[in-house]
C-alpha atoms as a PDB file:
ATOM      1  CA  UNK A   1     -41.744 -33.122 -36.350  1.00  0.00           C
ATOM      2  CA  UNK A   2     -42.810 -33.474 -39.957  1.00  0.00           C
ATOM      3  CA  UNK A   3     -45.604 -31.584 -41.671  1.00  0.00           C
ATOM      4  CA  UNK A   4     -47.904 -34.565 -41.306  1.00  0.00           C
ATOM      5  CA  UNK A   5     -47.191 -34.714 -37.554  1.00  0.00           C
ATOM      6  CA  UNK A   6     -47.978 -31.035 -36.933  1.00  0.00           C
ATOM      7  CA  UNK A   7     -50.945 -30.546 -34.650  1.00  0.00           C
ATOM      8  CA  UNK A   8     -53.211 -27.675 -35.615  1.00  0.00           C
ATOM      9  CA  UNK A   9     -53.604 -25.480 -32.530  1.00  0.00           C
ATOM     10  CA  UNK A  10     -57.192 -24.647 -31.531  1.00  0.00           C
ATOM     11  CA  UNK A  11     -56.323 -21.065 -30.657  1.00  0.00           C
ATOM     12  CA  UNK A  12     -54.117 -18.454 -32.315  1.00  0.00           C
ATOM     13  CA  UNK A  13     -50.392 -18.690 -31.692  1.00  0.00           C
ATOM     14  CA  UNK A  14     -48.471 -15.444 -31.049  1.00  0.00           C
ATOM     15  CA  UNK A  15     -45.448 -15.042 -33.318  1.00  0.00           C
ATOM     16  CA  UNK A  16     -42.565 -12.695 -32.577  1.00  0.00           C
ATOM     17  CA  UNK A  17     -40.812 -12.165 -35.915  1.00  0.00           C
ATOM     18  CA  UNK A  18     -40.190 -13.342 -39.459  1.00  0.00           C
ATOM     19  CA  UNK A  19     -38.285 -16.427 -38.304  1.00  0.00           C
ATOM     20  CA  UNK A  20     -41.291 -17.500 -36.211  1.00  0.00           C
ATOM     21  CA  UNK A  21     -43.553 -16.806 -39.194  1.00  0.00           C
ATOM     22  CA  UNK A  22     -41.409 -18.893 -41.553  1.00  0.00           C
ATOM     23  CA  UNK A  23     -41.333 -21.797 -39.086  1.00  0.00           C
ATOM     24  CA  UNK A  24     -45.098 -21.609 -38.460  1.00  0.00           C
ATOM     25  CA  UNK A  25     -45.950 -21.562 -42.168  1.00  0.00           C
ATOM     26  CA  UNK A  26     -43.525 -24.429 -42.855  1.00  0.00           C
ATOM     27  CA  UNK A  27     -45.009 -26.511 -40.032  1.00  0.00           C
ATOM     28  CA  UNK A  28     -48.638 -26.290 -41.180  1.00  0.00           C
ATOM     29  CA  UNK A  29     -50.193 -27.181 -44.547  1.00  0.00           C
ATOM     30  CA  UNK A  30     -52.734 -24.362 -44.165  1.00  0.00           C
ATOM     31  CA  UNK A  31     -51.940 -21.286 -42.076  1.00  0.00           C
ATOM     32  CA  UNK A  32     -53.789 -18.017 -41.502  1.00  0.00           C
ATOM     33  CA  UNK A  33     -51.700 -15.176 -40.090  1.00  0.00           C
ATOM     34  CA  UNK A  34     -53.300 -12.055 -38.613  1.00  0.00           C
ATOM     35  CA  UNK A  35     -51.033  -9.013 -38.901  1.00  0.00           C
ATOM     36  CA  UNK A  36     -52.160  -6.596 -36.182  1.00  0.00           C
ATOM     37  CA  UNK A  37     -50.898  -3.707 -34.086  1.00  0.00           C
ATOM     38  CA  UNK A  38     -51.523  -2.844 -30.461  1.00  0.00           C
ATOM     39  CA  UNK A  39     -54.046  -0.076 -29.967  1.00  0.00           C
ATOM     40  CA  UNK A  40     -55.847  -0.801 -33.256  1.00  0.00           C
ATOM     41  CA  UNK A  41     -59.571  -1.091 -32.506  1.00  0.00           C
ATOM     42  CA  UNK A  42     -60.284  -3.120 -35.668  1.00  0.00           C
ATOM     43  CA  UNK A  43     -57.449  -5.489 -34.720  1.00  0.00           C
ATOM     44  CA  UNK A  44     -58.944  -5.950 -31.259  1.00  0.00           C
ATOM     45  CA  UNK A  45     -62.376  -6.560 -32.800  1.00  0.00           C
ATOM     46  CA  UNK A  46     -61.101  -9.251 -35.184  1.00  0.00           C
ATOM     47  CA  UNK A  47     -59.098 -11.111 -32.521  1.00  0.00           C
ATOM     48  CA  UNK A  48     -62.105 -13.243 -31.411  1.00  0.00           C
ATOM     49  CA  UNK A  49     -62.850 -13.936 -35.083  1.00  0.00           C
ATOM     50  CA  UNK A  50     -59.392 -15.403 -35.687  1.00  0.00           C
ATOM     51  CA  UNK A  51     -59.895 -17.453 -32.531  1.00  0.00           C
ATOM     52  CA  UNK A  52     -63.095 -18.829 -34.056  1.00  0.00           C
ATOM     53  CA  UNK A  53     -61.222 -19.615 -37.289  1.00  0.00           C
ATOM     54  CA  UNK A  54     -58.690 -21.703 -35.358  1.00  0.00           C
ATOM     55  CA  UNK A  55     -61.543 -23.846 -34.026  1.00  0.00           C
ATOM     56  CA  UNK A  56     -63.800 -23.860 -37.124  1.00  0.00           C
ATOM     57  CA  UNK A  57     -61.320 -24.673 -39.897  1.00  0.00           C
ATOM     58  CA  UNK A  58     -58.307 -26.876 -40.594  1.00  0.00           C
ATOM     59  CA  UNK A  59     -56.072 -23.798 -40.705  1.00  0.00           C
ATOM     60  CA  UNK A  60     -53.474 -23.144 -38.050  1.00  0.00           C
ATOM     61  CA  UNK A  61     -53.893 -19.522 -36.942  1.00  0.00           C
ATOM     62  CA  UNK A  62     -51.226 -17.100 -35.747  1.00  0.00           C
ATOM     63  CA  UNK A  63     -51.044 -13.442 -34.827  1.00  0.00           C
ATOM     64  CA  UNK A  64     -48.048 -11.232 -35.542  1.00  0.00           C
ATOM     65  CA  UNK A  65     -47.347  -7.567 -34.878  1.00  0.00           C
ATOM     66  CA  UNK A  66     -45.322  -6.443 -37.920  1.00  0.00           C
ATOM     67  CA  UNK A  67     -43.894  -3.546 -35.882  1.00  0.00           C
ATOM     68  CA  UNK A  68     -41.785  -6.187 -34.141  1.00  0.00           C
ATOM     69  CA  UNK A  69     -40.117  -7.071 -37.471  1.00  0.00           C
ATOM     70  CA  UNK A  70     -40.484  -4.181 -39.926  1.00  0.00           C
ATOM     71  CA  UNK A  71     -38.999  -6.204 -42.802  1.00  0.00           C
ATOM     72  CA  UNK A  72     -42.294  -8.116 -42.866  1.00  0.00           C
ATOM     73  CA  UNK A  73     -44.198  -4.925 -43.739  1.00  0.00           C
ATOM     74  CA  UNK A  74     -42.305  -4.705 -47.035  1.00  0.00           C
ATOM     75  CA  UNK A  75     -42.025  -8.439 -47.643  1.00  0.00           C
ATOM     76  CA  UNK A  76     -45.804  -8.963 -47.404  1.00  0.00           C
ATOM     77  CA  UNK A  77     -46.842  -5.487 -48.550  1.00  0.00           C
ATOM     78  CA  UNK A  78     -48.792  -4.785 -45.349  1.00  0.00           C
ATOM     79  CA  UNK A  79     -50.468  -1.409 -45.889  1.00  0.00           C
ATOM     80  CA  UNK A  80     -53.145  -1.600 -43.210  1.00  0.00           C
ATOM     81  CA  UNK A  81     -54.104  -3.666 -40.199  1.00  0.00           C
ATOM     82  CA  UNK A  82     -55.650  -6.021 -39.652  1.00  0.00           C
ATOM     83  CA  UNK A  83     -54.309  -7.905 -42.655  1.00  0.00           C
ATOM     84  CA  UNK A  84     -54.985 -11.625 -42.851  1.00  0.00           C
ATOM     85  CA  UNK A  85     -52.584 -13.676 -44.954  1.00  0.00           C
ATOM     86  CA  UNK A  86     -53.376 -17.247 -45.953  1.00  0.00           C
ATOM     87  CA  UNK A  87     -50.578 -19.706 -46.693  1.00  0.00           C
ATOM     88  CA  UNK A  88     -50.996 -23.145 -48.217  1.00  0.00           C
ATOM     89  CA  UNK A  89     -48.043 -25.526 -48.439  1.00  0.00           C
ATOM     90  CA  UNK A  90     -45.712 -22.646 -47.573  1.00  0.00           C
ATOM     91  CA  UNK A  91     -46.978 -20.337 -50.329  1.00  0.00           C
ATOM     92  CA  UNK A  92     -48.983 -17.143 -49.859  1.00  0.00           C
ATOM     93  CA  UNK A  93     -52.334 -17.859 -51.545  1.00  0.00           C
ATOM     94  CA  UNK A  94     -54.628 -15.148 -50.213  1.00  0.00           C
ATOM     95  CA  UNK A  95     -54.891 -11.767 -48.531  1.00  0.00           C
ATOM     96  CA  UNK A  96     -57.797 -10.142 -46.730  1.00  0.00           C
ATOM     97  CA  UNK A  97     -57.142  -6.509 -45.797  1.00  0.00           C
ATOM     98  CA  UNK A  98     -60.541  -4.849 -45.804  1.00  0.00           C
ATOM     99  CA  UNK A  99     -60.721  -4.019 -42.096  1.00  0.00           C
ATOM    100  CA  UNK A 100     -63.032  -5.988 -39.837  1.00  0.00           C
ATOM    101  CA  UNK A 101     -64.685  -9.065 -41.293  1.00  0.00           C
ATOM    102  CA  UNK A 102     -66.942 -11.448 -39.402  1.00  0.00           C
ATOM    103  CA  UNK A 103     -66.316 -15.114 -38.708  1.00  0.00           C
ATOM    104  CA  UNK A 104     -68.435 -16.327 -41.631  1.00  0.00           C
ATOM    105  CA  UNK A 105     -66.538 -14.216 -44.189  1.00  0.00           C
ATOM    106  CA  UNK A 106     -63.143 -15.296 -42.856  1.00  0.00           C
ATOM    107  CA  UNK A 107     -64.149 -18.988 -42.727  1.00  0.00           C
ATOM    108  CA  UNK A 108     -65.247 -18.709 -46.368  1.00  0.00           C
ATOM    109  CA  UNK A 109     -61.932 -17.001 -47.225  1.00  0.00           C
ATOM    110  CA  UNK A 110     -59.952 -19.833 -45.581  1.00  0.00           C
ATOM    111  CA  UNK A 111     -62.069 -22.633 -47.019  1.00  0.00           C
ATOM    112  CA  UNK A 112     -61.864 -21.137 -50.522  1.00  0.00           C
ATOM    113  CA  UNK A 113     -58.086 -21.102 -50.096  1.00  0.00           C
ATOM    114  CA  UNK A 114     -57.882 -17.341 -50.528  1.00  0.00           C
ATOM    115  CA  UNK A 115     -59.892 -16.991 -53.719  1.00  0.00           C
ATOM    116  CA  UNK A 116     -61.760 -13.721 -53.968  1.00  0.00           C
ATOM    117  CA  UNK A 117     -64.684 -13.766 -51.599  1.00  0.00           C
ATOM    118  CA  UNK A 118     -67.470 -11.198 -51.840  1.00  0.00           C
ATOM    119  CA  UNK A 119     -69.949 -10.684 -49.054  1.00  0.00           C
ATOM    120  CA  UNK A 120     -72.583  -8.945 -51.224  1.00  0.00           C
END
């Protein structure tokens, strides 16, 4: 399957580790990855939001627990969860790590390709 043949899933894909992450980002031109942990109430609250993003934007959306591959914590400088990372053409172009954000704010973040988005 080539990048142009990749089908954008309409719901978040669960990734297991850094290899899955690399493959997912390589497969999709625009990818949003939600770094979360189990038991995190903000992570649970944002899960439906990332589901909405998968349906409302052209981005492929994935969820990954960095505790399953601790190297990712350092590689992507994950200091809190949830952390949303936006990749375009395989490159990290944006980060949203301000806790819970609603669907509208995250759609704007994705559509602006990770440029700073203010909700005020």
